[in-house]
Amino acid sequence: MQLYDPTSSGPERHVFRAPALDSLDGKTIGILENGKLNAVEMLREVADLFVQRHGCIVRPIYSKSNASAPAPAETLAQAAREVDFLITGLGD
């Protein structure tokens, strides 16, 4: 019998969270949809709540083609330049 250790160590990552927003008032929202059925409609409804409650502005939608994979780095970099915060979620 051969036993394998299921733990592994990967490359060390240096990631940081963005600082919290002081306020949501007047901020620009990005929507990241994942290609699932009804995702765009659901996320637009959520974004509309931010518009109504905080006067936010909604940018065009960013897309990723695989719900289980991370968004492409270029998409996230573009969103970081264009919006104050991003909302995402599943739609089905």
PDB file of N, CA and C in Angstrom:
ATOM      1  N   MET A   1       0.855  -1.166   0.000  1.00  0.00           N
ATOM      2  CA  MET A   1       0.000   0.000   0.000  1.00  0.00           C
ATOM      3  C   MET A   1       0.908   1.238   0.000  1.00  0.00           C
ATOM      4  N   GLN A   2       0.529   2.209  -0.817  1.00  0.00           N
ATOM      5  CA  GLN A   2       1.284   3.444  -0.876  1.00  0.00           C
ATOM      6  C   GLN A   2       0.358   4.581  -0.448  1.00  0.00           C
ATOM      7  N   LEU A   3       0.788   5.397   0.484  1.00  0.00           N
ATOM      8  CA  LEU A   3      -0.006   6.515   0.985  1.00  0.00           C
ATOM      9  C   LEU A   3       0.529   7.815   0.403  1.00  0.00           C
ATOM     10  N   TYR A   4      -0.392   8.703   0.112  1.00  0.00           N
ATOM     11  CA  TYR A   4      -0.021  10.012  -0.417  1.00  0.00           C
ATOM     12  C   TYR A   4      -0.504  11.093   0.540  1.00  0.00           C
ATOM     13  N   ASP A   5       0.327  12.085   0.748  1.00  0.00           N
ATOM     14  CA  ASP A   5      -0.042  13.222   1.583  1.00  0.00           C
ATOM     15  C   ASP A   5      -0.888  14.167   0.728  1.00  0.00           C
ATOM     16  N   PRO A   6      -2.172  14.389   1.089  1.00  0.00           N
ATOM     17  CA  PRO A   6      -3.045  15.213   0.244  1.00  0.00           C
ATOM     18  C   PRO A   6      -2.768  16.708   0.377  1.00  0.00           C
ATOM     19  N   THR A   7      -1.961  17.098   1.328  1.00  0.00           N
ATOM     20  CA  THR A   7      -1.665  18.523   1.473  1.00  0.00           C
ATOM     21  C   THR A   7      -0.533  18.905   0.538  1.00  0.00           C
ATOM     22  N   SER A   8      -0.563  20.107   0.133  1.00  0.00           N
ATOM     23  CA  SER A   8       0.509  20.578  -0.726  1.00  0.00           C
ATOM     24  C   SER A   8       0.744  22.044  -0.441  1.00  0.00           C
ATOM     25  N   SER A   9       1.870  22.481  -0.813  1.00  0.00           N
ATOM     26  CA  SER A   9       2.131  23.907  -0.697  1.00  0.00           C
ATOM     27  C   SER A   9       2.311  24.441  -2.110  1.00  0.00           C
ATOM     28  N   GLY A  10       1.696  25.547  -2.342  1.00  0.00           N
ATOM     29  CA  GLY A  10       1.774  26.153  -3.672  1.00  0.00           C
ATOM     30  C   GLY A  10       2.657  27.371  -3.618  1.00  0.00           C
ATOM     31  N   PRO A  11       2.716  28.045  -4.713  1.00  0.00           N
ATOM     32  CA  PRO A  11       3.518  29.267  -4.730  1.00  0.00           C
ATOM     33  C   PRO A  11       2.930  30.291  -3.759  1.00  0.00           C
ATOM     34  N   GLU A  12       3.777  31.013  -3.109  1.00  0.00           N
ATOM     35  CA  GLU A  12       3.319  32.024  -2.170  1.00  0.00           C
ATOM     36  C   GLU A  12       2.671  33.158  -2.943  1.00  0.00           C
ATOM     37  N   ARG A  13       1.510  33.566  -2.492  1.00  0.00           N
ATOM     38  CA  ARG A  13       0.793  34.641  -3.177  1.00  0.00           C
ATOM     39  C   ARG A  13       0.759  35.868  -2.290  1.00  0.00           C
ATOM     40  N   HIS A  14       0.902  36.996  -2.905  1.00  0.00           N
ATOM     41  CA  HIS A  14       0.805  38.264  -2.198  1.00  0.00           C
ATOM     42  C   HIS A  14      -0.385  39.021  -2.766  1.00  0.00           C
ATOM     43  N   VAL A  15      -1.526  38.857  -2.111  1.00  0.00           N
ATOM     44  CA  VAL A  15      -2.737  39.523  -2.564  1.00  0.00           C
ATOM     45  C   VAL A  15      -3.239  40.432  -1.449  1.00  0.00           C
ATOM     46  N   PHE A  16      -3.931  41.471  -1.851  1.00  0.00           N
ATOM     47  CA  PHE A  16      -4.421  42.438  -0.894  1.00  0.00           C
ATOM     48  C   PHE A  16      -5.858  42.773  -1.223  1.00  0.00           C
ATOM     49  N   ARG A  17      -6.642  43.006  -0.195  1.00  0.00           N
ATOM     50  CA  ARG A  17      -8.016  43.456  -0.398  1.00  0.00           C
ATOM     51  C   ARG A  17      -8.013  44.950  -0.676  1.00  0.00           C
ATOM     52  N   ALA A  18      -8.959  45.354  -1.470  1.00  0.00           N
ATOM     53  CA  ALA A  18      -9.126  46.787  -1.706  1.00  0.00           C
ATOM     54  C   ALA A  18      -9.645  47.422  -0.423  1.00  0.00           C
ATOM     55  N   PRO A  19      -9.289  48.658  -0.165  1.00  0.00           N
ATOM     56  CA  PRO A  19      -9.822  49.319   1.032  1.00  0.00           C
ATOM     57  C   PRO A  19     -11.336  49.485   0.916  1.00  0.00           C
ATOM     58  N   ALA A  20     -12.007  49.453   2.050  1.00  0.00           N
ATOM     59  CA  ALA A  20     -13.458  49.622   2.076  1.00  0.00           C
ATOM     60  C   ALA A  20     -13.821  51.028   1.604  1.00  0.00           C
ATOM     61  N   LEU A  21     -14.932  51.133   0.910  1.00  0.00           N
ATOM     62  CA  LEU A  21     -15.426  52.440   0.473  1.00  0.00           C
ATOM     63  C   LEU A  21     -16.009  53.174   1.678  1.00  0.00           C
ATOM     64  N   ASP A  22     -15.754  54.468   1.758  1.00  0.00           N
ATOM     65  CA  ASP A  22     -16.322  55.272   2.844  1.00  0.00           C
ATOM     66  C   ASP A  22     -17.832  55.399   2.706  1.00  0.00           C
ATOM     67  N   SER A  23     -18.304  55.435   1.466  1.00  0.00           N
ATOM     68  CA  SER A  23     -19.717  55.618   1.172  1.00  0.00           C
ATOM     69  C   SER A  23     -20.010  54.996  -0.192  1.00  0.00           C
ATOM     70  N   LEU A  24     -21.248  54.627  -0.410  1.00  0.00           N
ATOM     71  CA  LEU A  24     -21.672  54.132  -1.717  1.00  0.00           C
ATOM     72  C   LEU A  24     -22.291  55.235  -2.568  1.00  0.00           C
ATOM     73  N   ASP A  25     -22.542  56.384  -1.960  1.00  0.00           N
ATOM     74  CA  ASP A  25     -23.235  57.472  -2.647  1.00  0.00           C
ATOM     75  C   ASP A  25     -22.483  57.929  -3.896  1.00  0.00           C
ATOM     76  N   GLY A  26     -23.185  57.859  -5.046  1.00  0.00           N
ATOM     77  CA  GLY A  26     -22.648  58.331  -6.310  1.00  0.00           C
ATOM     78  C   GLY A  26     -21.536  57.484  -6.915  1.00  0.00           C
ATOM     79  N   LYS A  27     -21.270  56.331  -6.356  1.00  0.00           N
ATOM     80  CA  LYS A  27     -20.195  55.471  -6.871  1.00  0.00           C
ATOM     81  C   LYS A  27     -20.603  54.819  -8.189  1.00  0.00           C
ATOM     82  N   THR A  28     -19.596  54.396  -8.940  1.00  0.00           N
ATOM     83  CA  THR A  28     -19.815  53.724 -10.217  1.00  0.00           C
ATOM     84  C   THR A  28     -19.743  52.215  -9.998  1.00  0.00           C
ATOM     85  N   ILE A  29     -20.776  51.509 -10.459  1.00  0.00           N
ATOM     86  CA  ILE A  29     -20.892  50.063 -10.276  1.00  0.00           C
ATOM     87  C   ILE A  29     -20.505  49.337 -11.551  1.00  0.00           C
ATOM     88  N   GLY A  30     -19.761  48.267 -11.404  1.00  0.00           N
ATOM     89  CA  GLY A  30     -19.524  47.343 -12.495  1.00  0.00           C
ATOM     90  C   GLY A  30     -20.296  46.068 -12.233  1.00  0.00           C
ATOM     91  N   ILE A  31     -20.817  45.474 -13.275  1.00  0.00           N
ATOM     92  CA  ILE A  31     -21.518  44.190 -13.174  1.00  0.00           C
ATOM     93  C   ILE A  31     -20.670  43.163 -13.904  1.00  0.00           C
ATOM     94  N   LEU A  32     -20.339  42.081 -13.217  1.00  0.00           N
ATOM     95  CA  LEU A  32     -19.590  40.980 -13.824  1.00  0.00           C
ATOM     96  C   LEU A  32     -20.524  39.787 -13.930  1.00  0.00           C
ATOM     97  N   GLU A  33     -20.941  39.476 -15.153  1.00  0.00           N
ATOM     98  CA  GLU A  33     -21.846  38.329 -15.353  1.00  0.00           C
ATOM     99  C   GLU A  33     -21.029  37.118 -15.806  1.00  0.00           C
ATOM    100  N   ASN A  34     -21.557  35.948 -15.476  1.00  0.00           N
ATOM    101  CA  ASN A  34     -20.794  34.722 -15.697  1.00  0.00           C
ATOM    102  C   ASN A  34     -21.358  33.816 -16.784  1.00  0.00           C
ATOM    103  N   GLY A  35     -22.254  34.327 -17.605  1.00  0.00           N
ATOM    104  CA  GLY A  35     -22.787  33.532 -18.699  1.00  0.00           C
ATOM    105  C   GLY A  35     -23.919  32.594 -18.324  1.00  0.00           C
ATOM    106  N   LYS A  36     -24.297  32.546 -17.060  1.00  0.00           N
ATOM    107  CA  LYS A  36     -25.392  31.659 -16.653  1.00  0.00           C
ATOM    108  C   LYS A  36     -26.734  32.302 -16.999  1.00  0.00           C
ATOM    109  N   LEU A  37     -27.706  31.441 -17.190  1.00  0.00           N
ATOM    110  CA  LEU A  37     -29.053  31.881 -17.505  1.00  0.00           C
ATOM    111  C   LEU A  37     -29.559  32.845 -16.427  1.00  0.00           C
ATOM    112  N   ASN A  38     -30.086  33.975 -16.839  1.00  0.00           N
ATOM    113  CA  ASN A  38     -30.674  34.985 -15.960  1.00  0.00           C
ATOM    114  C   ASN A  38     -29.679  35.777 -15.121  1.00  0.00           C
ATOM    115  N   ALA A  39     -28.389  35.556 -15.281  1.00  0.00           N
ATOM    116  CA  ALA A  39     -27.407  36.289 -14.477  1.00  0.00           C
ATOM    117  C   ALA A  39     -27.498  37.788 -14.748  1.00  0.00           C
ATOM    118  N   VAL A  40     -27.563  38.175 -16.000  1.00  0.00           N
ATOM    119  CA  VAL A  40     -27.609  39.601 -16.337  1.00  0.00           C
ATOM    120  C   VAL A  40     -28.847  40.247 -15.735  1.00  0.00           C
ATOM    121  N   GLU A  41     -29.995  39.619 -15.876  1.00  0.00           N
ATOM    122  CA  GLU A  41     -31.239  40.181 -15.351  1.00  0.00           C
ATOM    123  C   GLU A  41     -31.182  40.327 -13.833  1.00  0.00           C
ATOM    124  N   MET A  42     -30.689  39.302 -13.138  1.00  0.00           N
ATOM    125  CA  MET A  42     -30.605  39.347 -11.684  1.00  0.00           C
ATOM    126  C   MET A  42     -29.654  40.454 -11.226  1.00  0.00           C
ATOM    127  N   LEU A  43     -28.493  40.548 -11.871  1.00  0.00           N
ATOM    128  CA  LEU A  43     -27.504  41.539 -11.465  1.00  0.00           C
ATOM    129  C   LEU A  43     -27.970  42.957 -11.782  1.00  0.00           C
ATOM    130  N   ARG A  44     -28.715  43.135 -12.868  1.00  0.00           N
ATOM    131  CA  ARG A  44     -29.276  44.460 -13.164  1.00  0.00           C
ATOM    132  C   ARG A  44     -30.269  44.878 -12.074  1.00  0.00           C
ATOM    133  N   GLU A  45     -31.060  43.931 -11.595  1.00  0.00           N
ATOM    134  CA  GLU A  45     -32.010  44.238 -10.513  1.00  0.00           C
ATOM    135  C   GLU A  45     -31.263  44.668  -9.249  1.00  0.00           C
ATOM    136  N   VAL A  46     -30.194  43.968  -8.930  1.00  0.00           N
ATOM    137  CA  VAL A  46     -29.390  44.333  -7.753  1.00  0.00           C
ATOM    138  C   VAL A  46     -28.765  45.713  -7.960  1.00  0.00           C
ATOM    139  N   ALA A  47     -28.210  45.951  -9.135  1.00  0.00           N
ATOM    140  CA  ALA A  47     -27.602  47.247  -9.432  1.00  0.00           C
ATOM    141  C   ALA A  47     -28.629  48.369  -9.325  1.00  0.00           C
ATOM    142  N   ASP A  48     -29.866  48.117  -9.769  1.00  0.00           N
ATOM    143  CA  ASP A  48     -30.921  49.128  -9.672  1.00  0.00           C
ATOM    144  C   ASP A  48     -31.179  49.536  -8.224  1.00  0.00           C
ATOM    145  N   LEU A  49     -31.023  48.621  -7.285  1.00  0.00           N
ATOM    146  CA  LEU A  49     -31.182  48.968  -5.866  1.00  0.00           C
ATOM    147  C   LEU A  49     -30.107  49.963  -5.431  1.00  0.00           C
ATOM    148  N   PHE A  50     -28.873  49.766  -5.897  1.00  0.00           N
ATOM    149  CA  PHE A  50     -27.803  50.712  -5.579  1.00  0.00           C
ATOM    150  C   PHE A  50     -28.089  52.081  -6.209  1.00  0.00           C
ATOM    151  N   VAL A  51     -28.640  52.074  -7.411  1.00  0.00           N
ATOM    152  CA  VAL A  51     -28.985  53.328  -8.085  1.00  0.00           C
ATOM    153  C   VAL A  51     -30.048  54.063  -7.277  1.00  0.00           C
ATOM    154  N   GLN A  52     -31.106  53.359  -6.901  1.00  0.00           N
ATOM    155  CA  GLN A  52     -32.215  53.966  -6.165  1.00  0.00           C
ATOM    156  C   GLN A  52     -31.798  54.447  -4.775  1.00  0.00           C
ATOM    157  N   ARG A  53     -31.018  53.652  -4.078  1.00  0.00           N
ATOM    158  CA  ARG A  53     -30.689  53.960  -2.675  1.00  0.00           C
ATOM    159  C   ARG A  53     -29.477  54.869  -2.509  1.00  0.00           C
ATOM    160  N   HIS A  54     -28.559  54.841  -3.474  1.00  0.00           N
ATOM    161  CA  HIS A  54     -27.303  55.569  -3.287  1.00  0.00           C
ATOM    162  C   HIS A  54     -26.920  56.462  -4.467  1.00  0.00           C
ATOM    163  N   GLY A  55     -27.780  56.528  -5.491  1.00  0.00           N
ATOM    164  CA  GLY A  55     -27.467  57.364  -6.645  1.00  0.00           C
ATOM    165  C   GLY A  55     -26.267  56.873  -7.440  1.00  0.00           C
ATOM    166  N   CYS A  56     -26.032  55.574  -7.422  1.00  0.00           N
ATOM    167  CA  CYS A  56     -24.899  54.993  -8.152  1.00  0.00           C
ATOM    168  C   CYS A  56     -25.124  55.065  -9.660  1.00  0.00           C
ATOM    169  N   ILE A  57     -24.048  54.939 -10.387  1.00  0.00           N
ATOM    170  CA  ILE A  57     -24.069  54.898 -11.842  1.00  0.00           C
ATOM    171  C   ILE A  57     -23.635  53.501 -12.261  1.00  0.00           C
ATOM    172  N   VAL A  58     -24.356  52.880 -13.187  1.00  0.00           N
ATOM    173  CA  VAL A  58     -24.037  51.524 -13.634  1.00  0.00           C
ATOM    174  C   VAL A  58     -23.298  51.589 -14.965  1.00  0.00           C
ATOM    175  N   ARG A  59     -22.140  50.961 -15.026  1.00  0.00           N
ATOM    176  CA  ARG A  59     -21.339  50.872 -16.247  1.00  0.00           C
ATOM    177  C   ARG A  59     -21.838  49.700 -17.096  1.00  0.00           C
ATOM    178  N   PRO A  60     -21.387  49.612 -18.340  1.00  0.00           N
ATOM    179  CA  PRO A  60     -21.717  48.439 -19.146  1.00  0.00           C
ATOM    180  C   PRO A  60     -21.239  47.153 -18.449  1.00  0.00           C
ATOM    181  N   ILE A  61     -21.813  46.061 -18.840  1.00  0.00           N
ATOM    182  CA  ILE A  61     -21.549  44.777 -18.181  1.00  0.00           C
ATOM    183  C   ILE A  61     -20.236  44.166 -18.654  1.00  0.00           C
ATOM    184  N   TYR A  62     -19.486  43.637 -17.700  1.00  0.00           N
ATOM    185  CA  TYR A  62     -18.281  42.846 -17.989  1.00  0.00           C
ATOM    186  C   TYR A  62     -18.704  41.382 -17.989  1.00  0.00           C
ATOM    187  N   SER A  63     -18.063  40.574 -18.815  1.00  0.00           N
ATOM    188  CA  SER A  63     -18.458  39.167 -18.923  1.00  0.00           C
ATOM    189  C   SER A  63     -17.276  38.237 -18.753  1.00  0.00           C
ATOM    190  N   LYS A  64     -17.593  37.067 -18.243  1.00  0.00           N
ATOM    191  CA  LYS A  64     -16.645  35.953 -18.258  1.00  0.00           C
ATOM    192  C   LYS A  64     -17.407  34.755 -18.775  1.00  0.00           C
ATOM    193  N   SER A  65     -16.729  33.881 -19.479  1.00  0.00           N
ATOM    194  CA  SER A  65     -17.430  32.817 -20.192  1.00  0.00           C
ATOM    195  C   SER A  65     -17.613  31.535 -19.399  1.00  0.00           C
ATOM    196  N   ASN A  66     -16.964  31.414 -18.259  1.00  0.00           N
ATOM    197  CA  ASN A  66     -17.036  30.183 -17.484  1.00  0.00           C
ATOM    198  C   ASN A  66     -17.368  30.532 -16.044  1.00  0.00           C
ATOM    199  N   ALA A  67     -18.529  30.077 -15.575  1.00  0.00           N
ATOM    200  CA  ALA A  67     -18.986  30.422 -14.229  1.00  0.00           C
ATOM    201  C   ALA A  67     -18.067  29.903 -13.134  1.00  0.00           C
ATOM    202  N   SER A  68     -17.358  28.821 -13.390  1.00  0.00           N
ATOM    203  CA  SER A  68     -16.525  28.235 -12.343  1.00  0.00           C
ATOM    204  C   SER A  68     -15.062  28.690 -12.396  1.00  0.00           C
ATOM    205  N   ALA A  69     -14.726  29.502 -13.369  1.00  0.00           N
ATOM    206  CA  ALA A  69     -13.341  29.977 -13.499  1.00  0.00           C
ATOM    207  C   ALA A  69     -13.271  31.463 -13.149  1.00  0.00           C
ATOM    208  N   PRO A  70     -12.116  31.917 -12.723  1.00  0.00           N
ATOM    209  CA  PRO A  70     -11.978  33.351 -12.445  1.00  0.00           C
ATOM    210  C   PRO A  70     -12.141  34.180 -13.720  1.00  0.00           C
ATOM    211  N   ALA A  71     -12.484  35.425 -13.530  1.00  0.00           N
ATOM    212  CA  ALA A  71     -12.563  36.340 -14.670  1.00  0.00           C
ATOM    213  C   ALA A  71     -11.162  36.564 -15.213  1.00  0.00           C
ATOM    214  N   PRO A  72     -11.034  36.776 -16.508  1.00  0.00           N
ATOM    215  CA  PRO A  72      -9.716  37.050 -17.084  1.00  0.00           C
ATOM    216  C   PRO A  72      -9.072  38.279 -16.435  1.00  0.00           C
ATOM    217  N   ALA A  73      -7.781  38.245 -16.280  1.00  0.00           N
ATOM    218  CA  ALA A  73      -7.045  39.346 -15.650  1.00  0.00           C
ATOM    219  C   ALA A  73      -7.298  40.664 -16.372  1.00  0.00           C
ATOM    220  N   GLU A  74      -7.389  40.626 -17.711  1.00  0.00           N
ATOM    221  CA  GLU A  74      -7.631  41.857 -18.467  1.00  0.00           C
ATOM    222  C   GLU A  74      -8.992  42.460 -18.127  1.00  0.00           C
ATOM    223  N   THR A  75      -9.985  41.607 -17.939  1.00  0.00           N
ATOM    224  CA  THR A  75     -11.325  42.081 -17.594  1.00  0.00           C
ATOM    225  C   THR A  75     -11.306  42.760 -16.235  1.00  0.00           C
ATOM    226  N   LEU A  76     -10.647  42.130 -15.272  1.00  0.00           N
ATOM    227  CA  LEU A  76     -10.578  42.707 -13.931  1.00  0.00           C
ATOM    228  C   LEU A  76      -9.774  43.999 -13.917  1.00  0.00           C
ATOM    229  N   ALA A  77      -8.708  44.046 -14.685  1.00  0.00           N
ATOM    230  CA  ALA A  77      -7.901  45.272 -14.760  1.00  0.00           C
ATOM    231  C   ALA A  77      -8.720  46.411 -15.367  1.00  0.00           C
ATOM    232  N   GLN A  78      -9.474  46.108 -16.412  1.00  0.00           N
ATOM    233  CA  GLN A  78     -10.332  47.123 -17.035  1.00  0.00           C
ATOM    234  C   GLN A  78     -11.373  47.611 -16.030  1.00  0.00           C
ATOM    235  N   ALA A  79     -12.015  46.690 -15.332  1.00  0.00           N
ATOM    236  CA  ALA A  79     -13.025  47.067 -14.335  1.00  0.00           C
ATOM    237  C   ALA A  79     -12.406  47.929 -13.240  1.00  0.00           C
ATOM    238  N   ALA A  80     -11.214  47.592 -12.787  1.00  0.00           N
ATOM    239  CA  ALA A  80     -10.554  48.367 -11.734  1.00  0.00           C
ATOM    240  C   ALA A  80     -10.310  49.812 -12.172  1.00  0.00           C
ATOM    241  N   ARG A  81     -10.067  50.011 -13.456  1.00  0.00           N
ATOM    242  CA  ARG A  81      -9.853  51.370 -13.981  1.00  0.00           C
ATOM    243  C   ARG A  81     -11.163  52.139 -14.123  1.00  0.00           C
ATOM    244  N   GLU A  82     -12.266  51.430 -14.351  1.00  0.00           N
ATOM    245  CA  GLU A  82     -13.514  52.085 -14.748  1.00  0.00           C
ATOM    246  C   GLU A  82     -14.577  52.203 -13.666  1.00  0.00           C
ATOM    247  N   VAL A  83     -14.510  51.382 -12.627  1.00  0.00           N
ATOM    248  CA  VAL A  83     -15.592  51.382 -11.631  1.00  0.00           C
ATOM    249  C   VAL A  83     -15.041  51.475 -10.210  1.00  0.00           C
ATOM    250  N   ASP A  84     -15.941  51.848  -9.292  1.00  0.00           N
ATOM    251  CA  ASP A  84     -15.571  51.911  -7.883  1.00  0.00           C
ATOM    252  C   ASP A  84     -15.754  50.564  -7.193  1.00  0.00           C
ATOM    253  N   PHE A  85     -16.762  49.811  -7.626  1.00  0.00           N
ATOM    254  CA  PHE A  85     -16.944  48.459  -7.088  1.00  0.00           C
ATOM    255  C   PHE A  85     -17.680  47.595  -8.094  1.00  0.00           C
ATOM    256  N   LEU A  86     -17.568  46.293  -7.901  1.00  0.00           N
ATOM    257  CA  LEU A  86     -18.076  45.298  -8.842  1.00  0.00           C
ATOM    258  C   LEU A  86     -19.056  44.393  -8.113  1.00  0.00           C
ATOM    259  N   ILE A  87     -20.165  44.060  -8.758  1.00  0.00           N
ATOM    260  CA  ILE A  87     -21.068  43.054  -8.203  1.00  0.00           C
ATOM    261  C   ILE A  87     -21.127  41.880  -9.162  1.00  0.00           C
ATOM    262  N   THR A  88     -21.275  40.698  -8.610  1.00  0.00           N
ATOM    263  CA  THR A  88     -21.367  39.482  -9.413  1.00  0.00           C
ATOM    264  C   THR A  88     -22.223  38.474  -8.665  1.00  0.00           C
ATOM    265  N   GLY A  89     -22.640  37.438  -9.341  1.00  0.00           N
ATOM    266  CA  GLY A  89     -23.457  36.402  -8.712  1.00  0.00           C
ATOM    267  C   GLY A  89     -23.929  35.414  -9.760  1.00  0.00           C
ATOM    268  N   LEU A  90     -24.539  34.336  -9.302  1.00  0.00           N
ATOM    269  CA  LEU A  90     -25.084  33.320 -10.211  1.00  0.00           C
ATOM    270  C   LEU A  90     -26.509  33.677 -10.573  1.00  0.00           C
ATOM    271  N   GLY A  91     -26.927  33.268 -11.737  1.00  0.00           N
ATOM    272  CA  GLY A  91     -28.241  33.671 -12.202  1.00  0.00           C
ATOM    273  C   GLY A  91     -29.255  32.582 -12.350  1.00  0.00           C
ATOM    274  N   ASP A  92     -28.887  31.324 -12.207  1.00  0.00           N
ATOM    275  CA  ASP A  92     -29.904  30.297 -12.445  1.00  0.00           C
ATOM    276  C   ASP A  92     -30.356  29.735 -11.139  1.00  0.00           C
TER     277      ASP A  92
END
